Amino acid sequence: MRIPEDKVKQAWSRAEGKCENYDRHPSPKKLQWENRGRKDDIGWDVSVIEPDDAITPSNLRILCWPCLRRVRKPY
């Protein structure tokens, strides 16, 4: 599934460039845009919350790579 770049940027802006896995990071982990897609501790990507719903910024979350590995496959 391809997620439109404008939707990713809107989700990134909402997340203020931080990992949105609040259970793991009570003090959200700050990420850098240029590390998107990296598969290491400083990498991050976007995850769809409800795969059957529309691809909207509110249905996306920004996760650091360690959290993303635990949650679901990245898109």
Protein backbone atom coordinates (compact mmCIF):
# COMPACT_ATOMS: atom_id res chain seq x y z
CA MET A 1 0.00 0.00 0.00
CA ARG A 2 1.42 3.35 -1.01
CA ILE A 3 0.71 6.20 1.38
CA PRO A 4 0.60 9.62 -0.29
CA GLU A 5 3.53 11.82 0.75
CA ASP A 6 1.25 14.76 1.60
CA LYS A 7 -0.61 12.57 4.14
CA VAL A 8 2.70 11.47 5.70
CA LYS A 9 3.82 15.11 5.97
CA GLN A 10 0.54 16.07 7.65
CA ALA A 11 0.88 13.20 10.16
CA TRP A 12 4.54 14.17 10.74
CA SER A 13 3.51 17.76 11.44
CA ARG A 14 0.79 16.65 13.87
CA ALA A 15 3.28 14.38 15.68
CA GLU A 16 5.79 17.24 15.80
CA GLY A 17 8.44 14.82 14.54
CA LYS A 18 8.10 12.52 17.54
CA CYS A 19 7.35 8.82 17.91
CA GLU A 20 3.65 8.43 18.68
CA ASN A 21 3.97 5.21 20.69
CA TYR A 22 3.15 6.88 24.00
CA ASP A 23 3.15 3.59 25.94
CA ARG A 24 6.82 3.08 25.18
CA HIS A 25 7.93 6.74 25.16
CA PRO A 26 6.15 8.76 27.87
CA SER A 27 8.56 11.51 26.84
CA PRO A 28 8.23 11.18 23.04
CA LYS A 29 11.34 10.25 21.07
CA LYS A 30 12.35 13.07 18.68
CA LEU A 31 12.93 11.90 15.10
CA GLN A 32 14.49 13.46 12.01
CA TRP A 33 12.65 13.57 8.68
CA GLU A 34 15.68 12.43 6.68
CA ASN A 35 15.81 9.17 8.67
CA ARG A 36 12.48 7.94 7.31
CA GLY A 37 12.72 4.33 6.22
CA ARG A 38 15.94 3.58 8.08
CA LYS A 39 15.74 0.24 9.83
CA ASP A 40 17.77 1.08 12.91
CA ASP A 41 17.37 2.91 16.23
CA ILE A 42 17.27 6.38 14.63
CA GLY A 43 14.94 5.40 11.79
CA TRP A 44 11.19 5.88 11.60
CA ASP A 45 8.24 5.35 9.29
CA VAL A 46 4.50 5.72 9.15
CA SER A 47 2.00 3.07 10.23
CA VAL A 48 -1.66 2.80 9.29
CA ILE A 49 -3.82 2.48 12.41
CA GLU A 50 -6.92 0.92 10.81
CA PRO A 51 -5.95 -0.74 7.49
CA ASP A 52 -9.56 -0.95 6.26
CA ASP A 53 -10.18 2.78 6.79
CA ALA A 54 -9.27 5.63 4.48
CA ILE A 55 -5.69 6.86 4.33
CA THR A 56 -5.98 10.14 6.21
CA PRO A 57 -3.50 11.83 8.56
CA SER A 58 -5.69 10.85 11.52
CA ASN A 59 -5.43 7.17 10.48
CA LEU A 60 -1.63 7.33 10.40
CA ARG A 61 0.91 7.40 13.18
CA ILE A 62 4.59 8.17 13.17
CA LEU A 63 6.69 5.50 14.87
CA CYS A 64 10.39 5.05 15.48
CA TRP A 65 11.72 1.90 13.87
CA PRO A 66 11.97 -0.14 17.13
CA CYS A 67 8.29 0.62 17.88
CA LEU A 68 7.22 0.05 14.29
CA ARG A 69 8.78 -3.42 14.30
CA ARG A 70 6.68 -4.31 17.33
CA VAL A 71 3.41 -2.79 16.11
CA ARG A 72 3.05 -3.87 12.48
CA LYS A 73 4.65 -4.02 9.10
CA PRO A 74 5.57 -0.55 7.73
CA TYR A 75 4.06 0.72 4.48
